[in-house]
C-alpha cells in the first residue's frame, strides 16, 4: 500500500464521511466545493492518484462514480517523519520542516523509531530501490552483514544508502547495481536499517 499526502487523505476522509452520512458518494463538483479546488479536472487528478494507490475505484459515466474499497487501508496506516533526501555520495539533504508521511503499519518493525527518506540515484536498483522511491528506515546503530543501511561518513560529511559488509579492518559499502563498484571506509556511522520501500507512483 502506498502512502497518502495530507490533501489526499483529507479527500479520502471526506468521501468516506459523505458516503457514510448520505448512503452514496459525493460528485466531483461537491468535492471541488469542499476543498475550494479550481476545476473538476483538479479533483479528477486527486481521485486518479487515490485509485492508483489502491484506495478507491471509479465507475466511469456516472455522476457519483466513486467507490471506496471496503477494506479501508487507512485503518492500517501510521505516521512517520519524512526527514530528507538521500543521494549516493552526497550530504543528506534535510527537510527543514519535515511533514508526517502516512505509511502502512506492517512495514514498520514492532519496536524502535522510524523515519523516511526520499531516494535519488540508481545505486540500489537490484534491491528494488529506484530513484524517486521512499525508503522506511528503523533508527539503529548496527546492521547485520549484507543488510541495506543509511551510512554516514564523517570524514566527508556524506550519507549514502548501501549494503554493509564488515571486513577485517574496514567496512565495504556495496551498491546493488552491477555498473557500480563498492567502496571501502574505516569510519562509518550506521544511522538506520532500511525496513521498507514505498514505490513512486507518478
N, C-alpha and C. Protein backbone atom coordinates (compact mmCIF):
# COMPACT_ATOMS: atom_id res chain seq x y z
N UNK A 1 0.85 -1.19 0.00
CA UNK A 1 0.00 0.00 0.00
C UNK A 1 0.88 1.23 0.00
N UNK A 2 0.52 2.24 -0.79
CA UNK A 2 1.32 3.44 -0.92
C UNK A 2 0.77 4.56 -0.05
N UNK A 3 1.66 5.49 0.41
CA UNK A 3 1.23 6.50 1.36
C UNK A 3 0.38 7.58 0.72
N UNK A 4 -0.37 8.30 1.56
CA UNK A 4 -1.17 9.42 1.11
C UNK A 4 -0.57 10.73 1.60
N UNK A 5 -0.66 11.78 0.78
CA UNK A 5 -0.32 13.12 1.24
C UNK A 5 -1.46 13.61 2.13
N UNK A 6 -1.24 14.74 2.81
CA UNK A 6 -2.30 15.30 3.66
C UNK A 6 -3.56 15.61 2.85
N UNK A 7 -3.40 16.19 1.67
CA UNK A 7 -4.55 16.54 0.84
C UNK A 7 -5.29 15.27 0.38
N UNK A 8 -4.55 14.25 -0.04
CA UNK A 8 -5.18 13.01 -0.49
C UNK A 8 -5.95 12.35 0.65
N UNK A 9 -5.36 12.34 1.84
CA UNK A 9 -6.05 11.73 2.99
C UNK A 9 -7.29 12.53 3.35
N UNK A 10 -7.20 13.88 3.26
CA UNK A 10 -8.37 14.71 3.56
C UNK A 10 -9.51 14.42 2.59
N UNK A 11 -9.17 14.27 1.31
CA UNK A 11 -10.20 13.96 0.30
C UNK A 11 -10.79 12.58 0.57
N UNK A 12 -9.94 11.61 0.86
CA UNK A 12 -10.42 10.26 1.16
C UNK A 12 -11.37 10.29 2.36
N UNK A 13 -10.95 11.01 3.44
CA UNK A 13 -11.78 11.09 4.64
C UNK A 13 -13.13 11.75 4.34
N UNK A 14 -13.12 12.81 3.50
CA UNK A 14 -14.37 13.49 3.14
C UNK A 14 -15.30 12.55 2.38
N UNK A 15 -14.74 11.83 1.39
CA UNK A 15 -15.56 10.91 0.61
C UNK A 15 -16.15 9.83 1.52
N UNK A 16 -15.31 9.32 2.43
CA UNK A 16 -15.76 8.27 3.34
C UNK A 16 -16.88 8.78 4.25
N UNK A 17 -16.72 9.99 4.82
CA UNK A 17 -17.73 10.55 5.72
C UNK A 17 -19.01 10.90 4.97
N UNK A 18 -18.88 11.45 3.76
CA UNK A 18 -20.05 11.82 2.94
C UNK A 18 -20.86 10.57 2.61
N UNK A 19 -20.16 9.51 2.22
CA UNK A 19 -20.85 8.28 1.84
C UNK A 19 -21.55 7.65 3.04
N UNK A 20 -20.90 7.71 4.20
CA UNK A 20 -21.50 7.12 5.40
C UNK A 20 -22.75 7.89 5.81
N UNK A 21 -22.73 9.22 5.64
CA UNK A 21 -23.86 10.07 6.03
C UNK A 21 -25.02 9.96 5.06
N UNK A 22 -24.72 9.94 3.75
CA UNK A 22 -25.76 10.04 2.74
C UNK A 22 -26.13 8.72 2.06
N UNK A 23 -25.25 7.74 2.18
CA UNK A 23 -25.52 6.46 1.54
C UNK A 23 -25.06 6.40 0.10
N UNK A 24 -24.43 7.46 -0.37
CA UNK A 24 -23.88 7.50 -1.73
C UNK A 24 -22.68 8.47 -1.72
N UNK A 25 -21.77 8.33 -2.68
CA UNK A 25 -20.56 9.16 -2.67
C UNK A 25 -20.83 10.56 -3.22
N UNK A 26 -19.94 11.52 -2.93
CA UNK A 26 -20.09 12.87 -3.49
C UNK A 26 -19.73 12.90 -4.97
N UNK A 27 -20.23 13.92 -5.66
CA UNK A 27 -19.83 14.15 -7.05
C UNK A 27 -18.49 14.88 -7.05
N UNK A 28 -17.87 14.97 -8.23
CA UNK A 28 -16.62 15.71 -8.35
C UNK A 28 -16.83 17.17 -7.98
N UNK A 29 -17.97 17.73 -8.35
CA UNK A 29 -18.27 19.13 -8.04
C UNK A 29 -18.36 19.35 -6.54
N UNK A 30 -18.98 18.41 -5.84
CA UNK A 30 -19.11 18.54 -4.38
C UNK A 30 -17.75 18.46 -3.69
N UNK A 31 -16.89 17.61 -4.19
CA UNK A 31 -15.53 17.53 -3.64
C UNK A 31 -14.79 18.84 -3.93
N UNK A 32 -14.95 19.35 -5.14
CA UNK A 32 -14.29 20.60 -5.52
C UNK A 32 -14.71 21.76 -4.63
N UNK A 33 -16.02 21.85 -4.33
CA UNK A 33 -16.51 22.93 -3.46
C UNK A 33 -15.95 22.78 -2.05
N UNK A 34 -15.90 21.55 -1.55
CA UNK A 34 -15.40 21.31 -0.20
C UNK A 34 -13.96 21.77 -0.05
N UNK A 35 -13.12 21.49 -1.04
CA UNK A 35 -11.69 21.79 -0.93
C UNK A 35 -11.27 23.02 -1.74
N UNK A 36 -12.26 23.77 -2.24
CA UNK A 36 -12.00 25.00 -2.98
C UNK A 36 -11.01 24.77 -4.12
N UNK A 37 -11.25 23.68 -4.84
CA UNK A 37 -10.41 23.35 -5.99
C UNK A 37 -10.97 24.04 -7.23
N UNK A 38 -10.08 24.54 -8.05
CA UNK A 38 -10.47 25.44 -9.14
C UNK A 38 -11.26 24.77 -10.25
N UNK A 39 -11.05 23.47 -10.46
CA UNK A 39 -11.73 22.81 -11.57
C UNK A 39 -11.99 21.34 -11.26
N UNK A 40 -12.96 20.78 -11.98
CA UNK A 40 -13.26 19.35 -11.87
C UNK A 40 -12.04 18.52 -12.27
N UNK A 41 -11.26 19.03 -13.22
CA UNK A 41 -10.07 18.31 -13.68
C UNK A 41 -9.08 18.12 -12.53
N UNK A 42 -8.98 19.13 -11.64
CA UNK A 42 -8.08 19.02 -10.49
C UNK A 42 -8.57 17.94 -9.53
N UNK A 43 -9.88 17.91 -9.31
CA UNK A 43 -10.47 16.86 -8.46
C UNK A 43 -10.18 15.49 -9.07
N UNK A 44 -10.37 15.39 -10.37
CA UNK A 44 -10.14 14.13 -11.07
C UNK A 44 -8.70 13.65 -10.87
N UNK A 45 -7.74 14.57 -10.92
CA UNK A 45 -6.34 14.20 -10.73
C UNK A 45 -6.10 13.59 -9.35
N UNK A 46 -6.69 14.23 -8.32
CA UNK A 46 -6.54 13.70 -6.96
C UNK A 46 -7.17 12.30 -6.85
N UNK A 47 -8.35 12.14 -7.40
CA UNK A 47 -9.03 10.84 -7.32
C UNK A 47 -8.28 9.78 -8.10
N UNK A 48 -7.65 10.17 -9.21
CA UNK A 48 -6.90 9.21 -10.02
C UNK A 48 -5.70 8.69 -9.24
N UNK A 49 -5.06 9.58 -8.47
CA UNK A 49 -3.93 9.14 -7.64
C UNK A 49 -4.42 8.18 -6.55
N UNK A 50 -5.58 8.50 -5.92
CA UNK A 50 -6.14 7.60 -4.91
C UNK A 50 -6.47 6.23 -5.52
N UNK A 51 -6.96 6.25 -6.76
CA UNK A 51 -7.25 4.98 -7.45
C UNK A 51 -5.97 4.19 -7.67
N UNK A 52 -4.93 4.87 -8.16
CA UNK A 52 -3.65 4.19 -8.44
C UNK A 52 -3.02 3.64 -7.16
N UNK A 53 -3.27 4.33 -6.05
CA UNK A 53 -2.69 3.90 -4.78
C UNK A 53 -3.52 2.81 -4.11
N UNK A 54 -4.66 2.48 -4.70
CA UNK A 54 -5.42 1.34 -4.20
C UNK A 54 -6.47 1.65 -3.16
N UNK A 55 -6.92 2.92 -3.06
CA UNK A 55 -7.90 3.28 -2.05
C UNK A 55 -9.33 3.33 -2.58
N UNK A 56 -9.50 3.43 -3.88
CA UNK A 56 -10.85 3.51 -4.43
C UNK A 56 -10.82 3.13 -5.90
N UNK A 57 -12.00 2.92 -6.48
CA UNK A 57 -12.08 2.82 -7.93
C UNK A 57 -13.31 3.61 -8.38
N UNK A 58 -13.36 3.89 -9.68
CA UNK A 58 -14.41 4.75 -10.20
C UNK A 58 -15.12 4.07 -11.35
N UNK A 59 -16.45 4.22 -11.37
CA UNK A 59 -17.26 3.72 -12.47
C UNK A 59 -17.52 4.86 -13.43
N UNK A 60 -16.80 4.88 -14.52
CA UNK A 60 -16.91 5.99 -15.46
C UNK A 60 -18.31 6.07 -16.06
N UNK A 61 -18.74 7.31 -16.32
CA UNK A 61 -20.04 7.53 -16.92
C UNK A 61 -21.14 7.79 -15.92
N UNK A 62 -20.81 7.75 -14.63
CA UNK A 62 -21.80 8.02 -13.58
C UNK A 62 -21.39 9.26 -12.81
N UNK A 63 -22.36 10.11 -12.45
CA UNK A 63 -22.05 11.34 -11.72
C UNK A 63 -21.42 11.03 -10.37
N UNK A 64 -21.99 10.03 -9.69
CA UNK A 64 -21.44 9.62 -8.39
C UNK A 64 -20.69 8.31 -8.60
N UNK A 65 -19.49 8.45 -9.14
CA UNK A 65 -18.78 7.29 -9.68
C UNK A 65 -17.75 6.70 -8.73
N UNK A 66 -17.61 7.31 -7.55
CA UNK A 66 -16.53 6.88 -6.65
C UNK A 66 -16.99 5.70 -5.81
N UNK A 67 -16.15 4.71 -5.70
CA UNK A 67 -16.44 3.58 -4.80
C UNK A 67 -15.19 3.27 -4.00
N UNK A 68 -15.28 3.46 -2.68
CA UNK A 68 -14.15 3.15 -1.80
C UNK A 68 -14.04 1.64 -1.64
N UNK A 69 -12.81 1.17 -1.50
CA UNK A 69 -12.66 -0.24 -1.19
C UNK A 69 -13.12 -0.49 0.23
N UNK A 70 -13.89 -1.54 0.42
CA UNK A 70 -14.47 -1.83 1.74
C UNK A 70 -13.39 -2.07 2.77
N UNK A 71 -12.32 -2.69 2.36
CA UNK A 71 -11.20 -2.94 3.27
C UNK A 71 -10.41 -1.64 3.39
N UNK A 72 -10.75 -0.81 4.34
CA UNK A 72 -10.13 0.52 4.44
C UNK A 72 -8.67 0.40 4.82
N UNK A 73 -7.81 0.74 3.85
CA UNK A 73 -6.37 0.64 4.09
C UNK A 73 -5.91 1.67 5.11
N UNK A 74 -6.67 2.76 5.28
CA UNK A 74 -6.23 3.79 6.20
C UNK A 74 -6.23 3.31 7.65
N UNK A 75 -7.03 2.29 7.95
CA UNK A 75 -7.05 1.78 9.31
C UNK A 75 -5.71 1.17 9.69
N UNK A 76 -4.91 0.81 8.72
CA UNK A 76 -3.64 0.16 8.99
C UNK A 76 -2.46 1.10 8.74
N UNK A 77 -2.73 2.42 8.72
CA UNK A 77 -1.66 3.37 8.47
C UNK A 77 -1.22 4.06 9.75
N UNK A 78 0.02 4.53 9.74
CA UNK A 78 0.55 5.33 10.83
C UNK A 78 1.43 6.41 10.24
N UNK A 79 1.86 7.35 11.06
CA UNK A 79 2.66 8.46 10.57
C UNK A 79 4.10 8.35 11.04
N UNK A 80 5.04 8.62 10.11
CA UNK A 80 6.45 8.77 10.46
C UNK A 80 6.95 10.03 9.74
N UNK A 81 8.04 10.64 10.22
CA UNK A 81 8.53 11.86 9.56
C UNK A 81 9.34 11.56 8.31
N UNK A 82 9.12 12.37 7.28
CA UNK A 82 9.97 12.34 6.09
C UNK A 82 11.08 13.35 6.34
N UNK A 83 12.29 12.87 6.58
CA UNK A 83 13.37 13.73 7.08
C UNK A 83 14.21 14.38 5.99
N UNK A 84 14.24 13.79 4.79
CA UNK A 84 15.08 14.41 3.78
C UNK A 84 15.25 13.55 2.55
N UNK A 85 16.26 13.92 1.76
CA UNK A 85 16.58 13.24 0.51
C UNK A 85 17.99 12.67 0.63
N UNK A 86 18.14 11.39 0.31
CA UNK A 86 19.45 10.77 0.36
C UNK A 86 19.92 10.45 -1.06
N UNK A 87 21.11 10.91 -1.39
CA UNK A 87 21.71 10.69 -2.70
C UNK A 87 23.07 10.06 -2.49
N UNK A 88 23.38 9.03 -3.24
CA UNK A 88 24.66 8.35 -3.08
C UNK A 88 25.81 9.34 -3.22
N UNK A 89 26.69 9.37 -2.21
CA UNK A 89 27.89 10.16 -2.31
C UNK A 89 27.71 11.64 -2.09
N UNK A 90 26.58 12.06 -1.52
CA UNK A 90 26.38 13.48 -1.23
C UNK A 90 25.81 13.63 0.17
N UNK A 91 25.98 14.82 0.77
CA UNK A 91 25.38 15.03 2.10
C UNK A 91 23.88 14.82 2.06
N UNK A 92 23.36 14.34 3.18
CA UNK A 92 21.92 14.16 3.30
C UNK A 92 21.24 15.52 3.23
N UNK A 93 20.29 15.65 2.32
CA UNK A 93 19.56 16.91 2.17
C UNK A 93 18.35 16.87 3.10
N UNK A 94 18.48 17.54 4.22
CA UNK A 94 17.42 17.51 5.23
C UNK A 94 16.29 18.44 4.84
N UNK A 95 15.08 18.07 5.24
CA UNK A 95 13.91 18.92 5.03
C UNK A 95 13.73 19.76 6.29
N UNK A 96 13.66 21.09 6.12
CA UNK A 96 13.60 21.98 7.28
C UNK A 96 12.39 21.69 8.17
N UNK A 97 11.24 21.54 7.56
CA UNK A 97 10.02 21.25 8.32
C UNK A 97 9.44 19.93 7.82
N UNK A 98 10.01 18.82 8.29
CA UNK A 98 9.55 17.52 7.77
C UNK A 98 8.08 17.28 8.03
N UNK A 99 7.37 16.88 6.96
CA UNK A 99 5.94 16.57 7.10
C UNK A 99 5.77 15.11 7.48
N UNK A 100 4.72 14.82 8.25
CA UNK A 100 4.44 13.41 8.54
C UNK A 100 4.00 12.69 7.28
N UNK A 101 4.43 11.46 7.15
CA UNK A 101 4.10 10.64 5.99
C UNK A 101 3.27 9.46 6.45
N UNK A 102 2.15 9.21 5.78
CA UNK A 102 1.30 8.06 6.09
C UNK A 102 1.91 6.80 5.48
N UNK A 103 2.20 5.80 6.33
CA UNK A 103 2.78 4.56 5.84
C UNK A 103 2.05 3.37 6.47
N UNK A 104 2.05 2.22 5.80
CA UNK A 104 1.42 1.03 6.38
C UNK A 104 2.14 0.58 7.66
N UNK A 105 1.37 0.30 8.69
CA UNK A 105 1.96 -0.13 9.96
C UNK A 105 2.77 -1.41 9.80
N UNK A 106 2.32 -2.28 8.89
CA UNK A 106 3.01 -3.57 8.76
C UNK A 106 4.37 -3.45 8.09
N UNK A 107 4.75 -2.24 7.65
CA UNK A 107 6.08 -2.04 7.09
C UNK A 107 7.09 -1.64 8.17
N UNK A 108 6.60 -1.36 9.37
CA UNK A 108 7.48 -0.94 10.45
C UNK A 108 7.83 -2.11 11.36
N UNK A 109 9.00 -2.03 11.98
CA UNK A 109 9.36 -3.00 13.00
C UNK A 109 8.48 -2.77 14.22
N UNK A 110 8.35 -3.79 15.05
CA UNK A 110 7.46 -3.67 16.22
C UNK A 110 7.97 -2.67 17.24
N UNK A 111 9.29 -2.45 17.26
CA UNK A 111 9.87 -1.50 18.20
C UNK A 111 10.79 -0.55 17.45
N UNK A 112 11.17 0.53 18.13
CA UNK A 112 12.14 1.45 17.57
C UNK A 112 11.51 2.66 16.89
N UNK A 113 12.36 3.67 16.64
CA UNK A 113 11.92 4.88 15.95
C UNK A 113 12.14 4.71 14.46
N UNK A 114 11.18 5.17 13.67
CA UNK A 114 11.28 5.05 12.22
C UNK A 114 11.19 6.42 11.56
N UNK A 115 11.80 6.54 10.41
CA UNK A 115 11.69 7.76 9.61
C UNK A 115 11.78 7.38 8.15
N UNK A 116 11.50 8.34 7.28
CA UNK A 116 11.51 8.08 5.83
C UNK A 116 12.49 9.02 5.14
N UNK A 117 13.05 8.54 4.03
CA UNK A 117 13.95 9.34 3.20
C UNK A 117 13.60 9.13 1.73
N UNK A 118 13.57 10.22 0.97
CA UNK A 118 13.43 10.13 -0.48
C UNK A 118 14.78 9.70 -1.07
N UNK A 119 14.73 8.87 -2.09
CA UNK A 119 15.95 8.35 -2.70
C UNK A 119 16.19 9.01 -4.06
N UNK A 120 17.43 9.42 -4.28
CA UNK A 120 17.85 9.89 -5.60
C UNK A 120 19.02 9.03 -6.05
N UNK A 121 19.00 8.63 -7.31
CA UNK A 121 20.10 7.82 -7.83
C UNK A 121 19.69 6.37 -8.02
N UNK A 122 20.54 5.62 -8.72
CA UNK A 122 20.21 4.25 -9.09
C UNK A 122 21.18 3.21 -8.54
N UNK A 123 21.82 3.52 -7.42
CA UNK A 123 22.84 2.61 -6.89
C UNK A 123 22.26 1.37 -6.23
N UNK A 124 20.93 1.35 -5.96
CA UNK A 124 20.34 0.22 -5.22
C UNK A 124 19.21 -0.45 -6.00
N UNK A 125 19.27 -0.38 -7.32
CA UNK A 125 18.14 -0.86 -8.14
C UNK A 125 17.92 -2.37 -8.00
N UNK A 126 18.97 -3.15 -7.78
CA UNK A 126 18.79 -4.60 -7.65
C UNK A 126 18.18 -5.00 -6.31
N UNK A 127 18.07 -4.04 -5.40
CA UNK A 127 17.34 -4.26 -4.14
C UNK A 127 15.91 -3.75 -4.26
N UNK A 128 15.53 -3.33 -5.49
CA UNK A 128 14.18 -2.81 -5.70
C UNK A 128 13.99 -1.40 -5.21
N UNK A 129 15.09 -0.65 -5.08
CA UNK A 129 15.03 0.74 -4.63
C UNK A 129 15.44 1.62 -5.81
N UNK A 130 14.49 2.39 -6.33
CA UNK A 130 14.74 3.20 -7.52
C UNK A 130 14.68 4.69 -7.18
N UNK A 131 15.27 5.49 -8.04
CA UNK A 131 15.25 6.93 -7.84
C UNK A 131 13.81 7.42 -7.80
N UNK A 132 13.50 8.22 -6.80
CA UNK A 132 12.13 8.71 -6.60
C UNK A 132 11.35 7.92 -5.58
N UNK A 133 11.83 6.72 -5.22
CA UNK A 133 11.17 5.93 -4.19
C UNK A 133 11.42 6.56 -2.81
N UNK A 134 10.69 6.08 -1.82
CA UNK A 134 10.89 6.50 -0.44
C UNK A 134 11.22 5.26 0.38
N UNK A 135 12.32 5.32 1.14
CA UNK A 135 12.67 4.19 2.00
C UNK A 135 12.23 4.47 3.42
N UNK A 136 11.75 3.42 4.09
CA UNK A 136 11.42 3.50 5.51
C UNK A 136 12.60 2.94 6.29
N UNK A 137 13.07 3.70 7.25
CA UNK A 137 14.30 3.35 7.97
C UNK A 137 14.01 3.21 9.47
N UNK A 138 14.50 2.12 10.04
CA UNK A 138 14.45 1.96 11.50
C UNK A 138 15.76 2.47 12.06
N UNK A 139 15.69 3.43 12.96
CA UNK A 139 16.91 4.01 13.53
C UNK A 139 17.61 2.99 14.41
N UNK A 140 18.86 2.66 14.06
CA UNK A 140 19.66 1.73 14.84
C UNK A 140 21.13 1.89 14.46
N UNK A 141 22.05 1.63 15.40
CA UNK A 141 23.47 1.90 15.16
C UNK A 141 24.24 0.77 14.46
N UNK A 142 23.63 -0.39 14.30
CA UNK A 142 24.31 -1.51 13.67
C UNK A 142 23.33 -2.25 12.76
N UNK A 143 23.87 -2.99 11.80
CA UNK A 143 23.06 -3.87 10.95
C UNK A 143 23.81 -5.18 10.74
N UNK A 144 23.10 -6.20 10.32
CA UNK A 144 23.72 -7.48 10.02
C UNK A 144 24.45 -7.39 8.67
N UNK A 145 25.40 -8.27 8.46
CA UNK A 145 26.17 -8.30 7.23
C UNK A 145 25.24 -8.43 6.01
N UNK A 146 25.40 -7.53 5.05
CA UNK A 146 24.62 -7.58 3.82
C UNK A 146 23.30 -6.84 3.87
N UNK A 147 22.94 -6.28 5.02
CA UNK A 147 21.69 -5.53 5.11
C UNK A 147 21.88 -4.12 4.54
N UNK A 148 20.80 -3.54 4.05
CA UNK A 148 20.84 -2.20 3.47
C UNK A 148 20.63 -1.18 4.57
N UNK A 149 21.55 -0.19 4.61
CA UNK A 149 21.53 0.78 5.70
C UNK A 149 21.78 2.19 5.19
N UNK A 150 21.37 3.15 6.02
CA UNK A 150 21.78 4.54 5.83
C UNK A 150 23.11 4.70 6.56
N UNK A 151 24.17 5.00 5.80
CA UNK A 151 25.51 5.11 6.36
C UNK A 151 26.00 6.55 6.25
N UNK A 152 26.43 7.10 7.38
CA UNK A 152 27.00 8.44 7.39
C UNK A 152 28.52 8.32 7.44
N UNK A 153 29.20 9.10 6.59
CA UNK A 153 30.66 9.08 6.52
C UNK A 153 31.19 10.39 7.07
N UNK A 154 31.60 10.41 8.35
CA UNK A 154 32.00 11.67 9.00
C UNK A 154 33.18 12.36 8.31
N UNK A 155 34.10 11.59 7.75
CA UNK A 155 35.29 12.20 7.15
C UNK A 155 34.95 13.09 5.95
N UNK A 156 33.88 12.75 5.26
CA UNK A 156 33.49 13.54 4.08
C UNK A 156 32.15 14.23 4.24
N UNK A 157 31.53 14.08 5.41
CA UNK A 157 30.21 14.65 5.67
C UNK A 157 29.20 14.23 4.61
N UNK A 158 29.20 12.95 4.27
CA UNK A 158 28.30 12.41 3.27
C UNK A 158 27.45 11.30 3.86
N UNK A 159 26.29 11.09 3.27
CA UNK A 159 25.43 9.98 3.66
C UNK A 159 25.09 9.19 2.42
N UNK A 160 24.95 7.89 2.59
CA UNK A 160 24.67 7.05 1.43
C UNK A 160 23.83 5.86 1.84
N UNK A 161 23.18 5.26 0.87
CA UNK A 161 22.35 4.08 1.07
C UNK A 161 23.06 2.91 0.42
N UNK A 162 23.53 1.96 1.22
CA UNK A 162 24.33 0.86 0.67
C UNK A 162 24.13 -0.40 1.51
N UNK A 163 24.51 -1.54 0.93
CA UNK A 163 24.59 -2.79 1.68
C UNK A 163 25.91 -2.77 2.45
N UNK A 164 25.88 -3.20 3.71
CA UNK A 164 27.02 -3.05 4.60
C UNK A 164 27.68 -4.41 4.85
N UNK A 165 28.99 -4.44 4.67
CA UNK A 165 29.78 -5.65 4.94
C UNK A 165 30.98 -5.27 5.81
N UNK A 166 31.04 -5.83 7.01
CA UNK A 166 32.19 -5.61 7.89
C UNK A 166 33.32 -6.54 7.47
N UNK A 167 34.47 -5.99 7.12
CA UNK A 167 35.64 -6.79 6.78
C UNK A 167 36.69 -6.64 7.87
N UNK A 168 37.89 -7.13 7.67
CA UNK A 168 38.89 -7.18 8.75
C UNK A 168 39.04 -5.85 9.49
N UNK A 169 39.47 -4.84 8.80
CA UNK A 169 39.67 -3.55 9.48
C UNK A 169 39.04 -2.40 8.69
N UNK A 170 38.00 -2.75 7.96
CA UNK A 170 37.32 -1.73 7.17
C UNK A 170 35.89 -2.20 6.89
N UNK A 171 35.09 -1.29 6.36
CA UNK A 171 33.71 -1.62 6.02
C UNK A 171 33.53 -1.45 4.51
N UNK A 172 32.94 -2.47 3.88
CA UNK A 172 32.64 -2.38 2.45
C UNK A 172 31.22 -1.89 2.28
N UNK A 173 31.06 -0.83 1.52
CA UNK A 173 29.75 -0.29 1.18
C UNK A 173 29.45 -0.71 -0.25
N UNK A 174 28.49 -1.62 -0.38
CA UNK A 174 28.25 -2.30 -1.64
C UNK A 174 26.98 -1.78 -2.32
N UNK A 175 27.10 -1.21 -3.52
CA UNK A 175 25.90 -0.85 -4.28
C UNK A 175 25.17 -2.11 -4.75
N UNK A 176 23.90 -1.97 -5.03
CA UNK A 176 23.13 -3.06 -5.64
C UNK A 176 22.86 -2.69 -7.09
N UNK A 177 23.95 -2.50 -7.81
CA UNK A 177 23.91 -2.12 -9.22
C UNK A 177 25.20 -2.61 -9.85
N UNK A 178 25.13 -3.55 -10.82
CA UNK A 178 26.34 -4.14 -11.39
C UNK A 178 27.25 -3.12 -12.09
N UNK A 179 26.73 -1.95 -12.41
CA UNK A 179 27.53 -0.93 -13.09
C UNK A 179 28.39 -0.13 -12.12
N UNK A 180 28.12 -0.29 -10.82
CA UNK A 180 28.83 0.50 -9.81
C UNK A 180 29.71 -0.38 -8.95
N UNK A 181 30.86 0.13 -8.56
CA UNK A 181 31.80 -0.62 -7.75
C UNK A 181 31.61 -0.29 -6.27
N UNK A 182 31.96 -1.24 -5.40
CA UNK A 182 31.89 -0.96 -3.96
C UNK A 182 33.02 0.00 -3.57
N UNK A 183 32.87 0.61 -2.42
CA UNK A 183 33.98 1.40 -1.88
C UNK A 183 34.15 1.04 -0.42
N UNK A 184 35.28 1.42 0.13
CA UNK A 184 35.67 0.96 1.46
C UNK A 184 35.96 2.15 2.36
N UNK A 185 35.53 2.03 3.61
CA UNK A 185 35.73 3.09 4.59
C UNK A 185 36.11 2.47 5.93
N UNK A 186 36.81 3.25 6.74
CA UNK A 186 37.12 2.79 8.10
C UNK A 186 36.27 3.53 9.14
N UNK A 187 35.76 4.68 8.76
CA UNK A 187 34.97 5.49 9.68
C UNK A 187 33.55 5.62 9.14
N UNK A 188 32.66 4.79 9.64
CA UNK A 188 31.27 4.76 9.16
C UNK A 188 30.33 4.74 10.36
N UNK A 189 29.32 5.59 10.32
CA UNK A 189 28.28 5.59 11.35
C UNK A 189 26.96 5.10 10.72
N UNK A 190 26.47 3.97 11.21
CA UNK A 190 25.19 3.45 10.72
C UNK A 190 24.07 4.24 11.40
N UNK A 191 23.19 4.82 10.59
CA UNK A 191 22.10 5.63 11.13
C UNK A 191 20.74 4.93 11.06
N UNK A 192 20.71 3.77 10.44
CA UNK A 192 19.45 3.04 10.41
C UNK A 192 19.44 1.96 9.35
N UNK A 193 18.52 1.04 9.52
CA UNK A 193 18.34 -0.08 8.61
C UNK A 193 17.08 0.13 7.77
N UNK A 194 17.19 -0.11 6.47
CA UNK A 194 16.02 0.01 5.59
C UNK A 194 15.09 -1.18 5.84
N UNK A 195 13.84 -0.88 6.22
CA UNK A 195 12.88 -1.95 6.51
C UNK A 195 11.72 -1.98 5.51
N UNK A 196 11.66 -0.98 4.61
CA UNK A 196 10.59 -0.98 3.63
C UNK A 196 10.82 0.05 2.55
N UNK A 197 10.13 -0.13 1.43
CA UNK A 197 10.26 0.79 0.29
C UNK A 197 8.86 1.16 -0.20
N UNK A 198 8.63 2.45 -0.36
CA UNK A 198 7.38 2.95 -0.92
C UNK A 198 7.66 3.35 -2.36
N UNK A 199 7.02 2.69 -3.29
CA UNK A 199 7.28 2.91 -4.71
C UNK A 199 6.69 4.22 -5.18
N UNK A 200 7.45 4.94 -5.97
CA UNK A 200 6.92 6.16 -6.59
C UNK A 200 5.82 5.77 -7.57
N UNK A 201 4.67 6.47 -7.49
CA UNK A 201 3.53 6.14 -8.34
C UNK A 201 3.52 6.98 -9.60
N UNK A 202 3.72 8.28 -9.47
CA UNK A 202 3.68 9.18 -10.61
C UNK A 202 4.90 10.08 -10.59
